[in-house]
Amino acid sequence: MKKQTYTSVWDAIEDTAEAAANMRVRADLMIAVQRYVEASGETQSQSAKHLGITQPRLNDLLRGRIEKFSLDALVNMLARVGRQVTVKVKRAA
């Protein structure tokens, strides 16, 4: 059996390159939201209010439930707390 190597875990578990790319970006944005919450020193309820979502929804994000969050929703949350999201496009390796 030939050993396969992948650039990221998403490449290994997603069916298409497009799905893997989407999941990589969503994961990065979720990490940015998690870092905001940790650095803010606020309660989850306070952070959720600033992010424009409910506390249970924030809890889903903090627990890594990536399937519940679109790119748009994550970008909007970060914008609400003064974070600028930029996109860098490069040729795949």
PDB file of N, CA and C in Angstrom:
ATOM      1  N   MET A   1       0.836  -1.175   0.000  1.00  0.00           N
ATOM      2  CA  MET A   1       0.000   0.000   0.000  1.00  0.00           C
ATOM      3  C   MET A   1       0.888   1.247   0.000  1.00  0.00           C
ATOM      4  N   LYS A   2       0.613   2.157  -0.916  1.00  0.00           N
ATOM      5  CA  LYS A   2       1.416   3.366  -1.048  1.00  0.00           C
ATOM      6  C   LYS A   2       0.997   4.398   0.005  1.00  0.00           C
ATOM      7  N   LYS A   3       1.983   4.995   0.639  1.00  0.00           N
ATOM      8  CA  LYS A   3       1.730   6.013   1.651  1.00  0.00           C
ATOM      9  C   LYS A   3       1.411   7.333   0.964  1.00  0.00           C
ATOM     10  N   GLN A   4       0.307   7.973   1.384  1.00  0.00           N
ATOM     11  CA  GLN A   4      -0.069   9.265   0.836  1.00  0.00           C
ATOM     12  C   GLN A   4       0.290  10.361   1.832  1.00  0.00           C
ATOM     13  N   THR A   5       0.705  11.507   1.305  1.00  0.00           N
ATOM     14  CA  THR A   5       0.952  12.671   2.150  1.00  0.00           C
ATOM     15  C   THR A   5       0.059  13.805   1.667  1.00  0.00           C
ATOM     16  N   TYR A   6      -0.333  14.662   2.604  1.00  0.00           N
ATOM     17  CA  TYR A   6      -1.242  15.756   2.302  1.00  0.00           C
ATOM     18  C   TYR A   6      -0.680  17.059   2.852  1.00  0.00           C
ATOM     19  N   THR A   7      -1.064  18.149   2.203  1.00  0.00           N
ATOM     20  CA  THR A   7      -0.647  19.472   2.649  1.00  0.00           C
ATOM     21  C   THR A   7      -1.329  19.837   3.955  1.00  0.00           C
ATOM     22  N   SER A   8      -2.602  19.480   4.093  1.00  0.00           N
ATOM     23  CA  SER A   8      -3.340  19.755   5.332  1.00  0.00           C
ATOM     24  C   SER A   8      -4.303  18.616   5.614  1.00  0.00           C
ATOM     25  N   VAL A   9      -4.805  18.596   6.807  1.00  0.00           N
ATOM     26  CA  VAL A   9      -5.777  17.572   7.181  1.00  0.00           C
ATOM     27  C   VAL A   9      -7.030  17.671   6.304  1.00  0.00           C
ATOM     28  N   TRP A  10      -7.373  18.885   5.903  1.00  0.00           N
ATOM     29  CA  TRP A  10      -8.562  19.070   5.059  1.00  0.00           C
ATOM     30  C   TRP A  10      -8.388  18.391   3.706  1.00  0.00           C
ATOM     31  N   ASP A  11      -7.190  18.407   3.169  1.00  0.00           N
ATOM     32  CA  ASP A  11      -6.934  17.719   1.904  1.00  0.00           C
ATOM     33  C   ASP A  11      -7.157  16.217   2.050  1.00  0.00           C
ATOM     34  N   ALA A  12      -6.879  15.707   3.230  1.00  0.00           N
ATOM     35  CA  ALA A  12      -7.028  14.273   3.470  1.00  0.00           C
ATOM     36  C   ALA A  12      -8.479  13.856   3.657  1.00  0.00           C
ATOM     37  N   ILE A  13      -9.297  14.719   4.253  1.00  0.00           N
ATOM     38  CA  ILE A  13     -10.648  14.284   4.591  1.00  0.00           C
ATOM     39  C   ILE A  13     -11.745  14.805   3.668  1.00  0.00           C
ATOM     40  N   GLU A  14     -11.469  15.849   2.912  1.00  0.00           N
ATOM     41  CA  GLU A  14     -12.491  16.378   2.001  1.00  0.00           C
ATOM     42  C   GLU A  14     -12.393  15.696   0.639  1.00  0.00           C
ATOM     43  N   ASP A  15     -13.517  15.622  -0.042  1.00  0.00           N
ATOM     44  CA  ASP A  15     -13.590  14.921  -1.329  1.00  0.00           C
ATOM     45  C   ASP A  15     -12.972  15.698  -2.489  1.00  0.00           C
ATOM     46  N   THR A  16     -13.026  17.041  -2.395  1.00  0.00           N
ATOM     47  CA  THR A  16     -12.519  17.855  -3.499  1.00  0.00           C
ATOM     48  C   THR A  16     -11.543  18.906  -2.984  1.00  0.00           C
ATOM     49  N   ALA A  17     -10.725  19.400  -3.888  1.00  0.00           N
ATOM     50  CA  ALA A  17      -9.790  20.473  -3.539  1.00  0.00           C
ATOM     51  C   ALA A  17     -10.543  21.737  -3.136  1.00  0.00           C
ATOM     52  N   GLU A  18     -11.690  21.966  -3.772  1.00  0.00           N
ATOM     53  CA  GLU A  18     -12.489  23.140  -3.455  1.00  0.00           C
ATOM     54  C   GLU A  18     -13.023  23.083  -2.028  1.00  0.00           C
ATOM     55  N   ALA A  19     -13.538  21.943  -1.634  1.00  0.00           N
ATOM     56  CA  ALA A  19     -14.059  21.767  -0.276  1.00  0.00           C
ATOM     57  C   ALA A  19     -12.941  21.901   0.753  1.00  0.00           C
ATOM     58  N   ALA A  20     -11.778  21.357   0.453  1.00  0.00           N
ATOM     59  CA  ALA A  20     -10.634  21.455   1.364  1.00  0.00           C
ATOM     60  C   ALA A  20     -10.199  22.904   1.534  1.00  0.00           C
ATOM     61  N   ALA A  21     -10.162  23.650   0.444  1.00  0.00           N
ATOM     62  CA  ALA A  21      -9.775  25.060   0.511  1.00  0.00           C
ATOM     63  C   ALA A  21     -10.767  25.849   1.354  1.00  0.00           C
ATOM     64  N   ASN A  22     -12.044  25.604   1.175  1.00  0.00           N
ATOM     65  CA  ASN A  22     -13.072  26.279   1.953  1.00  0.00           C
ATOM     66  C   ASN A  22     -12.923  25.970   3.436  1.00  0.00           C
ATOM     67  N   MET A  23     -12.688  24.730   3.768  1.00  0.00           N
ATOM     68  CA  MET A  23     -12.542  24.334   5.169  1.00  0.00           C
ATOM     69  C   MET A  23     -11.287  24.942   5.791  1.00  0.00           C
ATOM     70  N   ARG A  24     -10.201  25.025   5.036  1.00  0.00           N
ATOM     71  CA  ARG A  24      -8.969  25.638   5.562  1.00  0.00           C
ATOM     72  C   ARG A  24      -9.214  27.092   5.939  1.00  0.00           C
ATOM     73  N   VAL A  25      -9.892  27.830   5.076  1.00  0.00           N
ATOM     74  CA  VAL A  25     -10.147  29.248   5.344  1.00  0.00           C
ATOM     75  C   VAL A  25     -11.104  29.390   6.521  1.00  0.00           C
ATOM     76  N   ARG A  26     -12.150  28.584   6.551  1.00  0.00           N
ATOM     77  CA  ARG A  26     -13.097  28.655   7.681  1.00  0.00           C
ATOM     78  C   ARG A  26     -12.395  28.333   8.995  1.00  0.00           C
ATOM     79  N   ALA A  27     -11.532  27.338   8.994  1.00  0.00           N
ATOM     80  CA  ALA A  27     -10.796  26.987  10.217  1.00  0.00           C
ATOM     81  C   ALA A  27      -9.919  28.144  10.671  1.00  0.00           C
ATOM     82  N   ASP A  28      -9.234  28.787   9.733  1.00  0.00           N
ATOM     83  CA  ASP A  28      -8.389  29.938  10.084  1.00  0.00           C
ATOM     84  C   ASP A  28      -9.210  31.064  10.692  1.00  0.00           C
ATOM     85  N   LEU A  29     -10.387  31.332  10.121  1.00  0.00           N
ATOM     86  CA  LEU A  29     -11.237  32.394  10.645  1.00  0.00           C
ATOM     87  C   LEU A  29     -11.806  32.028  12.014  1.00  0.00           C
ATOM     88  N   MET A  30     -12.152  30.774  12.199  1.00  0.00           N
ATOM     89  CA  MET A  30     -12.642  30.344  13.514  1.00  0.00           C
ATOM     90  C   MET A  30     -11.565  30.500  14.575  1.00  0.00           C
ATOM     91  N   ILE A  31     -10.333  30.188  14.226  1.00  0.00           N
ATOM     92  CA  ILE A  31      -9.223  30.365  15.161  1.00  0.00           C
ATOM     93  C   ILE A  31      -9.068  31.841  15.520  1.00  0.00           C
ATOM     94  N   ALA A  32      -9.245  32.732  14.541  1.00  0.00           N
ATOM     95  CA  ALA A  32      -9.153  34.166  14.804  1.00  0.00           C
ATOM     96  C   ALA A  32     -10.245  34.611  15.782  1.00  0.00           C
ATOM     97  N   VAL A  33     -11.449  34.085  15.625  1.00  0.00           N
ATOM     98  CA  VAL A  33     -12.531  34.421  16.557  1.00  0.00           C
ATOM     99  C   VAL A  33     -12.202  33.873  17.945  1.00  0.00           C
ATOM    100  N   GLN A  34     -11.721  32.647  18.012  1.00  0.00           N
ATOM    101  CA  GLN A  34     -11.353  32.054  19.302  1.00  0.00           C
ATOM    102  C   GLN A  34     -10.281  32.888  19.998  1.00  0.00           C
ATOM    103  N   ARG A  35      -9.310  33.348  19.250  1.00  0.00           N
ATOM    104  CA  ARG A  35      -8.245  34.180  19.831  1.00  0.00           C
ATOM    105  C   ARG A  35      -8.804  35.504  20.333  1.00  0.00           C
ATOM    106  N   TYR A  36      -9.742  36.083  19.597  1.00  0.00           N
ATOM    107  CA  TYR A  36     -10.391  37.320  20.058  1.00  0.00           C
ATOM    108  C   TYR A  36     -11.061  37.075  21.407  1.00  0.00           C
ATOM    109  N   VAL A  37     -11.837  36.003  21.515  1.00  0.00           N
ATOM    110  CA  VAL A  37     -12.569  35.702  22.745  1.00  0.00           C
ATOM    111  C   VAL A  37     -11.593  35.511  23.902  1.00  0.00           C
ATOM    112  N   GLU A  38     -10.533  34.754  23.681  1.00  0.00           N
ATOM    113  CA  GLU A  38      -9.544  34.510  24.741  1.00  0.00           C
ATOM    114  C   GLU A  38      -8.861  35.794  25.181  1.00  0.00           C
ATOM    115  N   ALA A  39      -8.491  36.639  24.221  1.00  0.00           N
ATOM    116  CA  ALA A  39      -7.754  37.866  24.530  1.00  0.00           C
ATOM    117  C   ALA A  39      -8.648  38.948  25.137  1.00  0.00           C
ATOM    118  N   SER A  40      -9.943  38.888  24.877  1.00  0.00           N
ATOM    119  CA  SER A  40     -10.845  39.950  25.329  1.00  0.00           C
ATOM    120  C   SER A  40     -11.039  39.956  26.838  1.00  0.00           C
ATOM    121  N   GLY A  41     -10.928  38.808  27.459  1.00  0.00           N
ATOM    122  CA  GLY A  41     -11.176  38.721  28.897  1.00  0.00           C
ATOM    123  C   GLY A  41     -12.650  38.830  29.246  1.00  0.00           C
ATOM    124  N   GLU A  42     -13.506  38.794  28.237  1.00  0.00           N
ATOM    125  CA  GLU A  42     -14.944  38.909  28.440  1.00  0.00           C
ATOM    126  C   GLU A  42     -15.553  37.534  28.706  1.00  0.00           C
ATOM    127  N   THR A  43     -16.770  37.552  29.216  1.00  0.00           N
ATOM    128  CA  THR A  43     -17.516  36.298  29.315  1.00  0.00           C
ATOM    129  C   THR A  43     -17.946  35.905  27.903  1.00  0.00           C
ATOM    130  N   GLN A  44     -18.364  34.661  27.747  1.00  0.00           N
ATOM    131  CA  GLN A  44     -18.865  34.224  26.441  1.00  0.00           C
ATOM    132  C   GLN A  44     -20.066  35.062  26.025  1.00  0.00           C
ATOM    133  N   SER A  45     -20.922  35.410  26.966  1.00  0.00           N
ATOM    134  CA  SER A  45     -22.102  36.219  26.639  1.00  0.00           C
ATOM    135  C   SER A  45     -21.706  37.594  26.132  1.00  0.00           C
ATOM    136  N   GLN A  46     -20.731  38.210  26.771  1.00  0.00           N
ATOM    137  CA  GLN A  46     -20.268  39.529  26.336  1.00  0.00           C
ATOM    138  C   GLN A  46     -19.623  39.448  24.956  1.00  0.00           C
ATOM    139  N   SER A  47     -18.759  38.463  24.778  1.00  0.00           N
ATOM    140  CA  SER A  47     -18.099  38.289  23.479  1.00  0.00           C
ATOM    141  C   SER A  47     -19.124  38.028  22.382  1.00  0.00           C
ATOM    142  N   ALA A  48     -20.090  37.169  22.671  1.00  0.00           N
ATOM    143  CA  ALA A  48     -21.118  36.847  21.688  1.00  0.00           C
ATOM    144  C   ALA A  48     -21.870  38.109  21.268  1.00  0.00           C
ATOM    145  N   LYS A  49     -22.200  38.953  22.235  1.00  0.00           N
ATOM    146  CA  LYS A  49     -22.914  40.197  21.922  1.00  0.00           C
ATOM    147  C   LYS A  49     -22.079  41.070  20.992  1.00  0.00           C
ATOM    148  N   HIS A  50     -20.781  41.199  21.278  1.00  0.00           N
ATOM    149  CA  HIS A  50     -19.905  42.001  20.422  1.00  0.00           C
ATOM    150  C   HIS A  50     -19.755  41.393  19.026  1.00  0.00           C
ATOM    151  N   LEU A  51     -19.775  40.078  18.949  1.00  0.00           N
ATOM    152  CA  LEU A  51     -19.652  39.383  17.666  1.00  0.00           C
ATOM    153  C   LEU A  51     -20.966  39.366  16.883  1.00  0.00           C
ATOM    154  N   GLY A  52     -22.069  39.723  17.551  1.00  0.00           N
ATOM    155  CA  GLY A  52     -23.370  39.750  16.886  1.00  0.00           C
ATOM    156  C   GLY A  52     -24.039  38.394  16.787  1.00  0.00           C
ATOM    157  N   ILE A  53     -23.711  37.501  17.726  1.00  0.00           N
ATOM    158  CA  ILE A  53     -24.299  36.165  17.730  1.00  0.00           C
ATOM    159  C   ILE A  53     -24.766  35.842  19.148  1.00  0.00           C
ATOM    160  N   THR A  54     -25.441  34.717  19.299  1.00  0.00           N
ATOM    161  CA  THR A  54     -25.874  34.289  20.625  1.00  0.00           C
ATOM    162  C   THR A  54     -24.746  33.538  21.333  1.00  0.00           C
ATOM    163  N   GLN A  55     -24.854  33.424  22.638  1.00  0.00           N
ATOM    164  CA  GLN A  55     -23.847  32.683  23.398  1.00  0.00           C
ATOM    165  C   GLN A  55     -23.817  31.206  22.998  1.00  0.00           C
ATOM    166  N   PRO A  56     -24.978  30.543  22.799  1.00  0.00           N
ATOM    167  CA  PRO A  56     -24.907  29.144  22.346  1.00  0.00           C
ATOM    168  C   PRO A  56     -24.194  28.995  20.992  1.00  0.00           C
ATOM    169  N   ARG A  57     -24.399  29.967  20.111  1.00  0.00           N
ATOM    170  CA  ARG A  57     -23.718  29.914  18.805  1.00  0.00           C
ATOM    171  C   ARG A  57     -22.210  30.091  18.991  1.00  0.00           C
ATOM    172  N   LEU A  58     -21.813  30.990  19.875  1.00  0.00           N
ATOM    173  CA  LEU A  58     -20.389  31.159  20.166  1.00  0.00           C
ATOM    174  C   LEU A  58     -19.822  29.871  20.761  1.00  0.00           C
ATOM    175  N   ASN A  59     -20.584  29.231  21.600  1.00  0.00           N
ATOM    176  CA  ASN A  59     -20.136  27.968  22.184  1.00  0.00           C
ATOM    177  C   ASN A  59     -19.895  26.934  21.094  1.00  0.00           C
ATOM    178  N   ASP A  60     -20.773  26.882  20.090  1.00  0.00           N
ATOM    179  CA  ASP A  60     -20.559  25.972  18.953  1.00  0.00           C
ATOM    180  C   ASP A  60     -19.228  26.279  18.272  1.00  0.00           C
ATOM    181  N   LEU A  61     -18.946  27.557  18.078  1.00  0.00           N
ATOM    182  CA  LEU A  61     -17.698  27.958  17.425  1.00  0.00           C
ATOM    183  C   LEU A  61     -16.491  27.542  18.269  1.00  0.00           C
ATOM    184  N   LEU A  62     -16.557  27.811  19.566  1.00  0.00           N
ATOM    185  CA  LEU A  62     -15.435  27.490  20.449  1.00  0.00           C
ATOM    186  C   LEU A  62     -15.211  25.983  20.578  1.00  0.00           C
ATOM    187  N   ARG A  63     -16.234  25.209  20.317  1.00  0.00           N
ATOM    188  CA  ARG A  63     -16.116  23.747  20.352  1.00  0.00           C
ATOM    189  C   ARG A  63     -15.710  23.176  18.992  1.00  0.00           C
ATOM    190  N   GLY A  64     -15.476  24.067  18.016  1.00  0.00           N
ATOM    191  CA  GLY A  64     -14.962  23.627  16.729  1.00  0.00           C
ATOM    192  C   GLY A  64     -15.987  23.070  15.767  1.00  0.00           C
ATOM    193  N   ARG A  65     -17.235  23.406  15.943  1.00  0.00           N
ATOM    194  CA  ARG A  65     -18.281  22.897  15.058  1.00  0.00           C
ATOM    195  C   ARG A  65     -18.293  23.685  13.743  1.00  0.00           C
ATOM    196  N   ILE A  66     -17.294  23.424  12.954  1.00  0.00           N
ATOM    197  CA  ILE A  66     -17.018  24.187  11.737  1.00  0.00           C
ATOM    198  C   ILE A  66     -18.152  24.123  10.728  1.00  0.00           C
ATOM    199  N   GLU A  67     -18.873  23.021  10.696  1.00  0.00           N
ATOM    200  CA  GLU A  67     -19.953  22.857   9.725  1.00  0.00           C
ATOM    201  C   GLU A  67     -21.098  23.844   9.940  1.00  0.00           C
ATOM    202  N   LYS A  68     -21.150  24.473  11.092  1.00  0.00           N
ATOM    203  CA  LYS A  68     -22.239  25.406  11.414  1.00  0.00           C
ATOM    204  C   LYS A  68     -21.948  26.843  11.001  1.00  0.00           C
ATOM    205  N   PHE A  69     -20.755  27.105  10.425  1.00  0.00           N
ATOM    206  CA  PHE A  69     -20.352  28.478  10.143  1.00  0.00           C
ATOM    207  C   PHE A  69     -19.897  28.647   8.704  1.00  0.00           C
ATOM    208  N   SER A  70     -20.494  29.627   8.031  1.00  0.00           N
ATOM    209  CA  SER A  70     -20.096  29.946   6.662  1.00  0.00           C
ATOM    210  C   SER A  70     -18.946  30.952   6.696  1.00  0.00           C
ATOM    211  N   LEU A  71     -18.283  31.087   5.567  1.00  0.00           N
ATOM    212  CA  LEU A  71     -17.236  32.109   5.450  1.00  0.00           C
ATOM    213  C   LEU A  71     -17.810  33.491   5.724  1.00  0.00           C
ATOM    214  N   ASP A  72     -18.969  33.780   5.160  1.00  0.00           N
ATOM    215  CA  ASP A  72     -19.598  35.085   5.357  1.00  0.00           C
ATOM    216  C   ASP A  72     -19.841  35.374   6.830  1.00  0.00           C
ATOM    217  N   ALA A  73     -20.397  34.417   7.537  1.00  0.00           N
ATOM    218  CA  ALA A  73     -20.703  34.622   8.955  1.00  0.00           C
ATOM    219  C   ALA A  73     -19.431  34.904   9.752  1.00  0.00           C
ATOM    220  N   LEU A  74     -18.371  34.172   9.474  1.00  0.00           N
ATOM    221  CA  LEU A  74     -17.116  34.352  10.205  1.00  0.00           C
ATOM    222  C   LEU A  74     -16.472  35.703   9.897  1.00  0.00           C
ATOM    223  N   VAL A  75     -16.493  36.102   8.633  1.00  0.00           N
ATOM    224  CA  VAL A  75     -15.952  37.409   8.259  1.00  0.00           C
ATOM    225  C   VAL A  75     -16.745  38.515   8.952  1.00  0.00           C
ATOM    226  N   ASN A  76     -18.063  38.395   8.965  1.00  0.00           N
ATOM    227  CA  ASN A  76     -18.905  39.403   9.604  1.00  0.00           C
ATOM    228  C   ASN A  76     -18.620  39.511  11.100  1.00  0.00           C
ATOM    229  N   MET A  77     -18.465  38.376  11.777  1.00  0.00           N
ATOM    230  CA  MET A  77     -18.154  38.394  13.213  1.00  0.00           C
ATOM    231  C   MET A  77     -16.858  39.155  13.474  1.00  0.00           C
ATOM    232  N   LEU A  78     -15.842  38.840  12.700  1.00  0.00           N
ATOM    233  CA  LEU A  78     -14.537  39.475  12.903  1.00  0.00           C
ATOM    234  C   LEU A  78     -14.600  40.969  12.602  1.00  0.00           C
ATOM    235  N   ALA A  79     -15.338  41.350  11.584  1.00  0.00           N
ATOM    236  CA  ALA A  79     -15.479  42.768  11.252  1.00  0.00           C
ATOM    237  C   ALA A  79     -16.168  43.521  12.392  1.00  0.00           C
ATOM    238  N   ARG A  80     -17.138  42.892  13.033  1.00  0.00           N
ATOM    239  CA  ARG A  80     -17.861  43.534  14.130  1.00  0.00           C
ATOM    240  C   ARG A  80     -16.953  43.861  15.311  1.00  0.00           C
ATOM    241  N   VAL A  81     -15.870  43.118  15.465  1.00  0.00           N
ATOM    242  CA  VAL A  81     -14.962  43.372  16.585  1.00  0.00           C
ATOM    243  C   VAL A  81     -13.658  44.027  16.119  1.00  0.00           C
ATOM    244  N   GLY A  82     -13.741  44.676  14.966  1.00  0.00           N
ATOM    245  CA  GLY A  82     -12.614  45.476  14.497  1.00  0.00           C
ATOM    246  C   GLY A  82     -11.456  44.708  13.900  1.00  0.00           C
ATOM    247  N   ARG A  83     -11.718  43.518  13.432  1.00  0.00           N
ATOM    248  CA  ARG A  83     -10.664  42.740  12.790  1.00  0.00           C
ATOM    249  C   ARG A  83     -10.856  42.822  11.281  1.00  0.00           C
ATOM    250  N   GLN A  84      -9.778  43.067  10.571  1.00  0.00           N
ATOM    251  CA  GLN A  84      -9.827  43.130   9.116  1.00  0.00           C
ATOM    252  C   GLN A  84      -9.398  41.787   8.546  1.00  0.00           C
ATOM    253  N   VAL A  85     -10.225  41.232   7.714  1.00  0.00           N
ATOM    254  CA  VAL A  85      -9.922  39.960   7.064  1.00  0.00           C
ATOM    255  C   VAL A  85      -9.399  40.271   5.671  1.00  0.00           C
ATOM    256  N   THR A  86      -8.235  39.726   5.346  1.00  0.00           N
ATOM    257  CA  THR A  86      -7.674  39.897   4.020  1.00  0.00           C
ATOM    258  C   THR A  86      -7.522  38.532   3.365  1.00  0.00           C
ATOM    259  N   VAL A  87      -7.453  38.544   2.053  1.00  0.00           N
ATOM    260  CA  VAL A  87      -7.333  37.306   1.298  1.00  0.00           C
ATOM    261  C   VAL A  87      -6.028  37.343   0.518  1.00  0.00           C
ATOM    262  N   LYS A  88      -5.302  36.256   0.595  1.00  0.00           N
ATOM    263  CA  LYS A  88      -4.064  36.120  -0.166  1.00  0.00           C
ATOM    264  C   LYS A  88      -4.225  34.903  -1.061  1.00  0.00           C
ATOM    265  N   VAL A  89      -4.074  35.084  -2.329  1.00  0.00           N
ATOM    266  CA  VAL A  89      -4.213  34.004  -3.283  1.00  0.00           C
ATOM    267  C   VAL A  89      -2.836  33.662  -3.833  1.00  0.00           C
ATOM    268  N   LYS A  90      -2.509  32.377  -3.808  1.00  0.00           N
ATOM    269  CA  LYS A  90      -1.217  31.961  -4.367  1.00  0.00           C
ATOM    270  C   LYS A  90      -1.413  30.649  -5.108  1.00  0.00           C
ATOM    271  N   ARG A  91      -0.468  30.344  -5.937  1.00  0.00           N
ATOM    272  CA  ARG A  91      -0.510  29.105  -6.711  1.00  0.00           C
ATOM    273  C   ARG A  91      -0.313  27.924  -5.769  1.00  0.00           C
ATOM    274  N   ALA A  92      -1.121  26.889  -5.965  1.00  0.00           N
ATOM    275  CA  ALA A  92      -1.020  25.677  -5.148  1.00  0.00           C
ATOM    276  C   ALA A  92       0.315  24.994  -5.390  1.00  0.00           C
ATOM    277  N   ALA A  93       0.821  24.392  -4.357  1.00  0.00           N
ATOM    278  CA  ALA A  93       2.117  23.692  -4.466  1.00  0.00           C
ATOM    279  C   ALA A  93       2.013  22.436  -5.276  1.00  0.00           C
TER     280      ALA A  93
END
